[in-house]
Amino acid sequence: MTAATAIGYSIREAALELGVSVHTLRYYEREGLLSVPRLDSAQRRYGPQELERLRFLLALRGTGMSMALIRRYMRLVGQGDGTVAERRALLLEHQQAVTEQIRTLQHDLGAIRRKLEIYDRLTGRTEGVN
């Protein structure tokens, strides 16, 4: 954090840092997925802990985890260390689903590449396709 943000990021600064909209951050807060400290002026201030949590939540969403499962995960986090095994199981299940998605996408990408190779042969293109 720079000197200007020594007391944390504003919601706008946090959104820029994370590459999301202010609306997204407000939504996550409304959903109870994040508690953000506020200044006396009631302005939200996102510190390193909030940004780290948001990065993880965004990664979960980016890998297709439903909001319902993210809420469940965050409820477990809020319940403390006694839920580590359940949280781990939830993440392990999601990891397996993501791995299967990647496998499917790789297969489908192969089909696209094969079709492009056919088109390249038909059109005489020689530079290849990645």
C-alpha atoms as a PDB file:
ATOM      1  CA  MET A   1       0.000   0.000   0.000  1.00  0.00           C
ATOM      2  CA  THR A   2       1.260   3.458  -0.812  1.00  0.00           C
ATOM      3  CA  ALA A   3       1.345   6.277   1.718  1.00  0.00           C
ATOM      4  CA  ALA A   4      -1.907   7.566   0.242  1.00  0.00           C
ATOM      5  CA  THR A   5      -3.567   4.246   0.982  1.00  0.00           C
ATOM      6  CA  ALA A   6      -1.869   3.541   4.333  1.00  0.00           C
ATOM      7  CA  ILE A   7      -5.308   3.344   5.949  1.00  0.00           C
ATOM      8  CA  GLY A   8      -6.587   1.072   3.226  1.00  0.00           C
ATOM      9  CA  TYR A   9      -8.080   1.309  -0.194  1.00  0.00           C
ATOM     10  CA  SER A  10     -11.320   3.104  -0.918  1.00  0.00           C
ATOM     11  CA  ILE A  11     -13.957   0.980  -2.623  1.00  0.00           C
ATOM     12  CA  ARG A  12     -13.023   2.553  -5.973  1.00  0.00           C
ATOM     13  CA  GLU A  13      -9.307   1.883  -5.424  1.00  0.00           C
ATOM     14  CA  ALA A  14     -10.019  -1.688  -4.330  1.00  0.00           C
ATOM     15  CA  ALA A  15     -12.172  -2.272  -7.403  1.00  0.00           C
ATOM     16  CA  LEU A  16      -9.357  -1.010  -9.646  1.00  0.00           C
ATOM     17  CA  GLU A  17      -6.800  -3.132  -7.807  1.00  0.00           C
ATOM     18  CA  LEU A  18      -8.941  -6.248  -8.241  1.00  0.00           C
ATOM     19  CA  GLY A  19     -10.145  -5.507 -11.764  1.00  0.00           C
ATOM     20  CA  VAL A  20     -13.830  -5.562 -10.839  1.00  0.00           C
ATOM     21  CA  SER A  21     -16.587  -3.008 -10.548  1.00  0.00           C
ATOM     22  CA  VAL A  22     -17.546  -1.114  -7.408  1.00  0.00           C
ATOM     23  CA  HIS A  23     -20.954  -2.762  -7.826  1.00  0.00           C
ATOM     24  CA  THR A  24     -19.321  -6.213  -7.522  1.00  0.00           C
ATOM     25  CA  LEU A  25     -17.630  -5.268  -4.254  1.00  0.00           C
ATOM     26  CA  ARG A  26     -20.848  -3.864  -2.831  1.00  0.00           C
ATOM     27  CA  TYR A  27     -22.678  -7.034  -3.910  1.00  0.00           C
ATOM     28  CA  TYR A  28     -20.165  -9.275  -2.114  1.00  0.00           C
ATOM     29  CA  GLU A  29     -20.558  -7.166   1.005  1.00  0.00           C
ATOM     30  CA  ARG A  30     -24.383  -7.210   0.812  1.00  0.00           C
ATOM     31  CA  GLU A  31     -24.258 -10.988   0.429  1.00  0.00           C
ATOM     32  CA  GLY A  32     -22.368 -11.176   3.709  1.00  0.00           C
ATOM     33  CA  LEU A  33     -19.256 -12.572   2.070  1.00  0.00           C
ATOM     34  CA  LEU A  34     -17.067  -9.782   3.321  1.00  0.00           C
ATOM     35  CA  SER A  35     -17.031  -7.357   6.189  1.00  0.00           C
ATOM     36  CA  VAL A  36     -15.191  -4.146   5.370  1.00  0.00           C
ATOM     37  CA  PRO A  37     -13.981  -1.756   8.068  1.00  0.00           C
ATOM     38  CA  ARG A  38     -15.197   1.805   7.738  1.00  0.00           C
ATOM     39  CA  LEU A  39     -13.721   5.146   8.673  1.00  0.00           C
ATOM     40  CA  ASP A  40     -15.582   7.570  10.889  1.00  0.00           C
ATOM     41  CA  SER A  41     -16.996   9.033   7.689  1.00  0.00           C
ATOM     42  CA  ALA A  42     -18.555   5.602   7.000  1.00  0.00           C
ATOM     43  CA  GLN A  43     -16.253   5.185   3.996  1.00  0.00           C
ATOM     44  CA  ARG A  44     -15.202   1.595   3.384  1.00  0.00           C
ATOM     45  CA  ARG A  45     -11.461   0.921   3.698  1.00  0.00           C
ATOM     46  CA  TYR A  46     -10.180  -2.295   2.158  1.00  0.00           C
ATOM     47  CA  GLY A  47      -6.973  -3.541   3.745  1.00  0.00           C
ATOM     48  CA  PRO A  48      -4.698  -6.411   2.718  1.00  0.00           C
ATOM     49  CA  GLN A  49      -6.875  -9.002   4.472  1.00  0.00           C
ATOM     50  CA  GLU A  50     -10.037  -7.897   2.658  1.00  0.00           C
ATOM     51  CA  LEU A  51      -8.232  -7.787  -0.689  1.00  0.00           C
ATOM     52  CA  GLU A  52      -6.817 -11.279  -0.143  1.00  0.00           C
ATOM     53  CA  ARG A  53     -10.255 -12.637   0.722  1.00  0.00           C
ATOM     54  CA  LEU A  54     -11.791 -10.923  -2.307  1.00  0.00           C
ATOM     55  CA  ARG A  55      -9.116 -12.312  -4.624  1.00  0.00           C
ATOM     56  CA  PHE A  56      -9.965 -15.799  -3.394  1.00  0.00           C
ATOM     57  CA  LEU A  57     -13.724 -15.242  -3.750  1.00  0.00           C
ATOM     58  CA  LEU A  58     -13.179 -13.912  -7.274  1.00  0.00           C
ATOM     59  CA  ALA A  59     -11.088 -16.991  -8.080  1.00  0.00           C
ATOM     60  CA  LEU A  60     -13.908 -19.224  -6.849  1.00  0.00           C
ATOM     61  CA  ARG A  61     -16.415 -17.354  -9.033  1.00  0.00           C
ATOM     62  CA  GLY A  62     -14.011 -17.354 -11.946  1.00  0.00           C
ATOM     63  CA  THR A  63     -13.793 -21.127 -11.749  1.00  0.00           C
ATOM     64  CA  GLY A  64     -17.555 -21.432 -11.772  1.00  0.00           C
ATOM     65  CA  MET A  65     -18.396 -21.943  -8.112  1.00  0.00           C
ATOM     66  CA  SER A  66     -21.998 -20.978  -7.501  1.00  0.00           C
ATOM     67  CA  MET A  67     -22.841 -18.112  -5.173  1.00  0.00           C
ATOM     68  CA  ALA A  68     -24.722 -20.610  -2.993  1.00  0.00           C
ATOM     69  CA  LEU A  69     -21.555 -22.663  -2.489  1.00  0.00           C
ATOM     70  CA  ILE A  70     -19.471 -19.533  -1.922  1.00  0.00           C
ATOM     71  CA  ARG A  71     -21.966 -18.414   0.739  1.00  0.00           C
ATOM     72  CA  ARG A  72     -21.763 -21.847   2.353  1.00  0.00           C
ATOM     73  CA  TYR A  73     -17.971 -21.728   2.302  1.00  0.00           C
ATOM     74  CA  MET A  74     -17.908 -18.241   3.850  1.00  0.00           C
ATOM     75  CA  ARG A  75     -20.410 -19.275   6.543  1.00  0.00           C
ATOM     76  CA  LEU A  76     -18.019 -22.083   7.446  1.00  0.00           C
ATOM     77  CA  VAL A  77     -15.092 -19.654   7.521  1.00  0.00           C
ATOM     78  CA  GLY A  78     -17.095 -17.472   9.900  1.00  0.00           C
ATOM     79  CA  GLN A  79     -17.663 -20.442  12.207  1.00  0.00           C
ATOM     80  CA  GLY A  80     -13.938 -20.761  12.822  1.00  0.00           C
ATOM     81  CA  ASP A  81     -11.251 -23.418  12.789  1.00  0.00           C
ATOM     82  CA  GLY A  82     -13.642 -26.213  13.705  1.00  0.00           C
ATOM     83  CA  THR A  83     -14.876 -26.204  10.105  1.00  0.00           C
ATOM     84  CA  VAL A  84     -11.514 -26.577   8.352  1.00  0.00           C
ATOM     85  CA  ALA A  85     -12.192 -30.195   7.348  1.00  0.00           C
ATOM     86  CA  GLU A  86     -15.586 -29.270   5.872  1.00  0.00           C
ATOM     87  CA  ARG A  87     -14.111 -26.277   4.034  1.00  0.00           C
ATOM     88  CA  ARG A  88     -11.337 -28.444   2.676  1.00  0.00           C
ATOM     89  CA  ALA A  89     -13.844 -31.023   1.448  1.00  0.00           C
ATOM     90  CA  LEU A  90     -15.901 -28.321  -0.259  1.00  0.00           C
ATOM     91  CA  LEU A  91     -12.803 -26.919  -2.006  1.00  0.00           C
ATOM     92  CA  LEU A  92     -11.588 -30.385  -2.948  1.00  0.00           C
ATOM     93  CA  GLU A  93     -14.929 -31.143  -4.586  1.00  0.00           C
ATOM     94  CA  HIS A  94     -14.781 -27.847  -6.458  1.00  0.00           C
ATOM     95  CA  GLN A  95     -11.204 -28.525  -7.524  1.00  0.00           C
ATOM     96  CA  GLN A  96     -12.293 -31.840  -8.992  1.00  0.00           C
ATOM     97  CA  ALA A  97     -15.125 -30.136 -10.892  1.00  0.00           C
ATOM     98  CA  VAL A  98     -12.728 -27.484 -12.249  1.00  0.00           C
ATOM     99  CA  THR A  99     -10.235 -30.161 -13.280  1.00  0.00           C
ATOM    100  CA  GLU A 100     -12.993 -31.953 -15.191  1.00  0.00           C
ATOM    101  CA  GLN A 101     -14.036 -28.670 -16.844  1.00  0.00           C
ATOM    102  CA  ILE A 102     -10.449 -28.103 -17.952  1.00  0.00           C
ATOM    103  CA  ARG A 103     -10.259 -31.631 -19.327  1.00  0.00           C
ATOM    104  CA  THR A 104     -13.481 -31.061 -21.284  1.00  0.00           C
ATOM    105  CA  LEU A 105     -12.302 -27.682 -22.562  1.00  0.00           C
ATOM    106  CA  GLN A 106      -8.990 -29.176 -23.686  1.00  0.00           C
ATOM    107  CA  HIS A 107     -10.870 -31.883 -25.584  1.00  0.00           C
ATOM    108  CA  ASP A 108     -13.158 -29.303 -27.205  1.00  0.00           C
ATOM    109  CA  LEU A 109     -10.215 -27.065 -28.043  1.00  0.00           C
ATOM    110  CA  GLY A 110      -8.622 -30.027 -29.787  1.00  0.00           C
ATOM    111  CA  ALA A 111     -11.731 -30.375 -31.968  1.00  0.00           C
ATOM    112  CA  ILE A 112     -11.513 -26.690 -32.904  1.00  0.00           C
ATOM    113  CA  ARG A 113      -7.819 -27.008 -33.735  1.00  0.00           C
ATOM    114  CA  ARG A 114      -8.460 -30.050 -35.913  1.00  0.00           C
ATOM    115  CA  LYS A 115     -11.157 -28.154 -37.829  1.00  0.00           C
ATOM    116  CA  LEU A 116      -8.814 -25.173 -38.280  1.00  0.00           C
ATOM    117  CA  GLU A 117      -6.147 -27.514 -39.653  1.00  0.00           C
ATOM    118  CA  ILE A 118      -8.659 -28.770 -42.221  1.00  0.00           C
ATOM    119  CA  TYR A 119      -9.560 -25.205 -43.193  1.00  0.00           C
ATOM    120  CA  ASP A 120      -5.882 -24.274 -43.390  1.00  0.00           C
ATOM    121  CA  ARG A 121      -5.236 -27.161 -45.785  1.00  0.00           C
ATOM    122  CA  LEU A 122      -8.260 -26.162 -47.889  1.00  0.00           C
ATOM    123  CA  THR A 123      -7.208 -22.521 -48.085  1.00  0.00           C
ATOM    124  CA  GLY A 124      -3.476 -23.176 -48.411  1.00  0.00           C
ATOM    125  CA  ARG A 125      -2.547 -21.394 -45.212  1.00  0.00           C
ATOM    126  CA  THR A 126       0.845 -22.469 -43.927  1.00  0.00           C
ATOM    127  CA  GLU A 127       1.579 -20.338 -40.859  1.00  0.00           C
ATOM    128  CA  GLY A 128      -0.270 -22.678 -38.516  1.00  0.00           C
ATOM    129  CA  VAL A 129      -2.601 -22.126 -35.620  1.00  0.00           C
ATOM    130  CA  ASN A 130      -1.773 -22.271 -31.907  1.00  0.00           C
END
